Amino acid sequence: MKTNRFALTLGMLLVPAIASLIILTRAPIPATFAQAPSVEPSNELKSELVPVEGDMHEFMEYVFQPTYKRLKESMAISEKDNANWKSIKSDSLILAEGGNLLLFRGSASESQDWNQHATTVRKFGGQLYQAAKQKNQADSEVAYRTMIQNCNACHQDFADGEHQLAP
């Protein structure tokens, strides 16, 4: 069971990390993506950002939701051992890097609010990751709750208040 979770967690970590590297180092950021564009066969490699899943609900459900659920379980444990802290580090890093993925998915008309929420996820997910590296329960709890509050504020602004999360 631990091996399967480790493999799943490792896979969930690598995909956003690789995508984030591409975002930060190689490609211009387009203003919006309502739907994922069709992929045209080409002999050339293109270094542009192209979402695999263009529907935001689907993206959130399959990228963020499983990670949030695992993190919620780990954060609820009062006496954390090394395995718990490792899980918190992994999931918080995935969510923080996921904030980078969100930056190129917002609409042009709402980009300022969208980008603020995305960078706040990145900031507090990163703070949670750093606190978990230090095994600091108090700082982890503050960063976790602040990140969740931001998620809920974003859902309020962009999902008509649906999908509210509980810490």
Protein backbone atom coordinates (compact mmCIF):
# COMPACT_ATOMS: atom_id res chain seq x y z
CA MET A 1 0.00 0.00 0.00
CA LYS A 2 2.80 2.42 0.89
CA THR A 3 4.59 1.57 -2.37
CA ASN A 4 1.44 2.31 -4.41
CA ARG A 5 0.88 5.59 -2.57
CA PHE A 6 4.52 6.52 -3.05
CA ALA A 7 4.31 5.76 -6.78
CA LEU A 8 1.06 7.74 -7.09
CA THR A 9 2.46 10.64 -5.09
CA LEU A 10 5.68 10.60 -7.10
CA GLY A 11 3.69 10.63 -10.34
CA MET A 12 1.49 13.48 -9.09
CA LEU A 13 4.64 15.41 -8.16
CA LEU A 14 6.52 14.93 -11.40
CA VAL A 15 3.76 16.01 -13.79
CA PRO A 16 3.18 19.47 -12.22
CA ALA A 17 6.91 19.93 -11.64
CA ILE A 18 7.78 19.28 -15.28
CA ALA A 19 4.91 21.44 -16.48
CA SER A 20 6.02 24.23 -14.15
CA LEU A 21 9.57 24.07 -15.48
CA ILE A 22 8.25 24.44 -19.00
CA ILE A 23 6.06 27.33 -17.94
CA LEU A 24 8.81 29.18 -16.15
CA THR A 25 11.69 28.62 -18.54
CA ARG A 26 10.54 28.15 -22.10
CA ALA A 27 7.15 29.44 -23.11
CA PRO A 28 5.25 32.71 -23.33
CA ILE A 29 2.08 32.78 -21.27
CA PRO A 30 -1.10 33.04 -23.38
CA ALA A 31 -3.94 35.18 -22.03
CA THR A 32 -6.66 32.53 -21.95
CA PHE A 33 -7.71 28.98 -22.74
CA ALA A 34 -11.46 28.33 -22.83
CA GLN A 35 -10.98 24.87 -24.35
CA ALA A 36 -7.84 22.92 -25.10
CA PRO A 37 -6.91 23.51 -28.72
CA SER A 38 -6.75 20.54 -31.02
CA VAL A 39 -3.31 19.04 -31.34
CA GLU A 40 -2.01 19.11 -34.88
CA PRO A 41 0.57 16.57 -35.99
CA SER A 42 3.90 18.24 -36.59
CA ASN A 43 7.45 17.28 -37.20
CA GLU A 44 8.57 20.19 -35.03
CA LEU A 45 8.44 20.37 -31.28
CA LYS A 46 6.42 23.36 -30.14
CA SER A 47 7.25 25.01 -26.85
CA GLU A 48 3.92 26.62 -26.14
CA LEU A 49 1.59 26.04 -23.24
CA VAL A 50 -1.23 23.76 -24.26
CA PRO A 51 -3.52 22.40 -21.56
CA VAL A 52 -4.28 18.70 -21.78
CA GLU A 53 -7.69 19.29 -20.17
CA GLY A 54 -9.38 22.53 -21.20
CA ASP A 55 -12.35 22.25 -18.83
CA MET A 56 -11.49 23.92 -15.51
CA HIS A 57 -13.86 21.75 -13.48
CA GLU A 58 -12.24 18.59 -14.83
CA PHE A 59 -8.76 20.02 -14.29
CA MET A 60 -9.54 20.88 -10.66
CA GLU A 61 -11.25 17.55 -10.02
CA TYR A 62 -8.34 15.46 -11.25
CA VAL A 63 -5.32 17.58 -10.38
CA PHE A 64 -6.21 19.45 -7.19
CA GLN A 65 -8.99 17.45 -5.51
CA PRO A 66 -7.10 14.16 -4.90
CA THR A 67 -4.09 16.09 -3.61
CA TYR A 68 -6.25 18.21 -1.30
CA LYS A 69 -8.00 15.10 0.08
CA ARG A 70 -4.70 13.38 0.89
CA LEU A 71 -3.34 16.56 2.45
CA LYS A 72 -6.47 17.00 4.56
CA GLU A 73 -6.07 13.47 5.96
CA SER A 74 -2.39 14.01 6.74
CA MET A 75 -2.99 17.39 8.39
CA ALA A 76 -5.71 15.90 10.62
CA ILE A 77 -3.19 13.59 12.32
CA SER A 78 -2.12 15.18 15.59
CA GLU A 79 1.04 13.10 16.22
CA LYS A 80 2.77 13.10 12.84
CA ASP A 81 5.53 10.64 12.07
CA ASN A 82 8.09 10.90 9.25
CA ALA A 83 5.71 9.29 6.75
CA ASN A 84 3.00 11.87 7.56
CA TRP A 85 5.43 14.75 7.13
CA LYS A 86 6.65 13.28 3.85
CA SER A 87 3.07 13.07 2.59
CA ILE A 88 2.41 16.68 3.64
CA LYS A 89 5.58 17.84 1.89
CA SER A 90 4.63 16.03 -1.29
CA ASP A 91 1.03 17.20 -1.45
CA SER A 92 1.82 20.79 -0.47
CA LEU A 93 4.52 20.99 -3.14
CA ILE A 94 2.11 19.60 -5.75
CA LEU A 95 -0.50 22.20 -4.79
CA ALA A 96 2.06 25.01 -4.74
CA GLU A 97 3.33 24.08 -8.19
CA GLY A 98 -0.29 23.67 -9.26
CA GLY A 99 -0.64 27.38 -8.54
CA ASN A 100 1.84 27.93 -11.36
CA LEU A 101 -0.29 25.79 -13.68
CA LEU A 102 -3.32 27.93 -12.85
CA LEU A 103 -1.57 31.10 -13.99
CA PHE A 104 -2.01 30.35 -17.67
CA ARG A 105 -5.59 29.10 -17.39
CA GLY A 106 -7.49 32.23 -16.34
CA SER A 107 -9.56 34.36 -18.68
CA ALA A 108 -8.10 37.64 -19.90
CA SER A 109 -11.03 39.64 -18.53
CA GLU A 110 -10.55 38.32 -15.01
CA SER A 111 -6.82 37.75 -15.03
CA GLN A 112 -5.93 40.06 -12.12
CA ASP A 113 -8.23 38.29 -9.63
CA TRP A 114 -7.44 34.86 -11.06
CA ASN A 115 -3.69 35.43 -10.92
CA GLN A 116 -3.94 36.72 -7.35
CA HIS A 117 -5.65 33.51 -6.24
CA ALA A 118 -3.18 31.35 -8.21
CA THR A 119 -0.13 33.07 -6.72
CA THR A 120 -1.65 32.86 -3.23
CA VAL A 121 -2.05 29.08 -3.63
CA ARG A 122 1.59 28.95 -4.72
CA LYS A 123 2.71 31.14 -1.80
CA PHE A 124 0.91 29.32 1.01
CA GLY A 125 1.39 25.88 -0.53
CA GLY A 126 5.11 26.74 -0.60
CA GLN A 127 5.01 27.93 3.00
CA LEU A 128 3.30 24.70 4.02
CA TYR A 129 5.97 22.73 2.17
CA GLN A 130 8.75 24.63 3.96
CA ALA A 131 7.05 24.22 7.37
CA ALA A 132 6.60 20.49 6.74
CA LYS A 133 10.29 20.18 5.86
CA GLN A 134 10.99 21.58 9.34
CA LYS A 135 8.22 19.40 10.88
CA ASN A 136 6.73 22.58 12.33
CA GLN A 137 3.14 21.75 13.27
CA ALA A 138 2.06 25.32 14.14
CA ASP A 139 3.41 26.94 10.97
CA SER A 140 2.07 24.05 8.87
CA GLU A 141 -1.40 24.55 10.28
CA VAL A 142 -1.39 28.31 9.61
CA ALA A 143 -0.16 27.91 6.02
CA TYR A 144 -2.63 25.07 5.36
CA ARG A 145 -5.65 26.97 6.67
CA THR A 146 -4.65 30.14 4.82
CA MET A 147 -4.25 28.21 1.59
CA ILE A 148 -7.69 26.60 2.03
CA GLN A 149 -9.25 30.01 2.75
CA ASN A 150 -7.79 31.26 -0.53
CA CYS A 151 -9.13 28.21 -2.39
CA ASN A 152 -12.59 28.93 -1.01
CA ALA A 153 -12.34 32.63 -1.94
CA CYS A 154 -11.38 31.63 -5.48
CA HIS A 155 -14.28 29.18 -5.66
CA GLN A 156 -16.54 31.99 -4.43
CA ASP A 157 -15.29 34.30 -7.17
CA PHE A 158 -15.09 31.83 -10.06
CA ALA A 159 -17.39 28.89 -9.23
CA ASP A 160 -20.42 30.73 -7.79
CA GLY A 161 -19.45 29.64 -4.27
CA GLU A 162 -19.54 25.93 -5.04
CA HIS A 163 -16.88 23.43 -3.99
CA GLN A 164 -16.06 25.00 -0.62
CA LEU A 165 -13.31 23.11 1.21
CA ALA A 166 -13.01 22.33 4.89
CA PRO A 167 -9.58 22.26 6.51
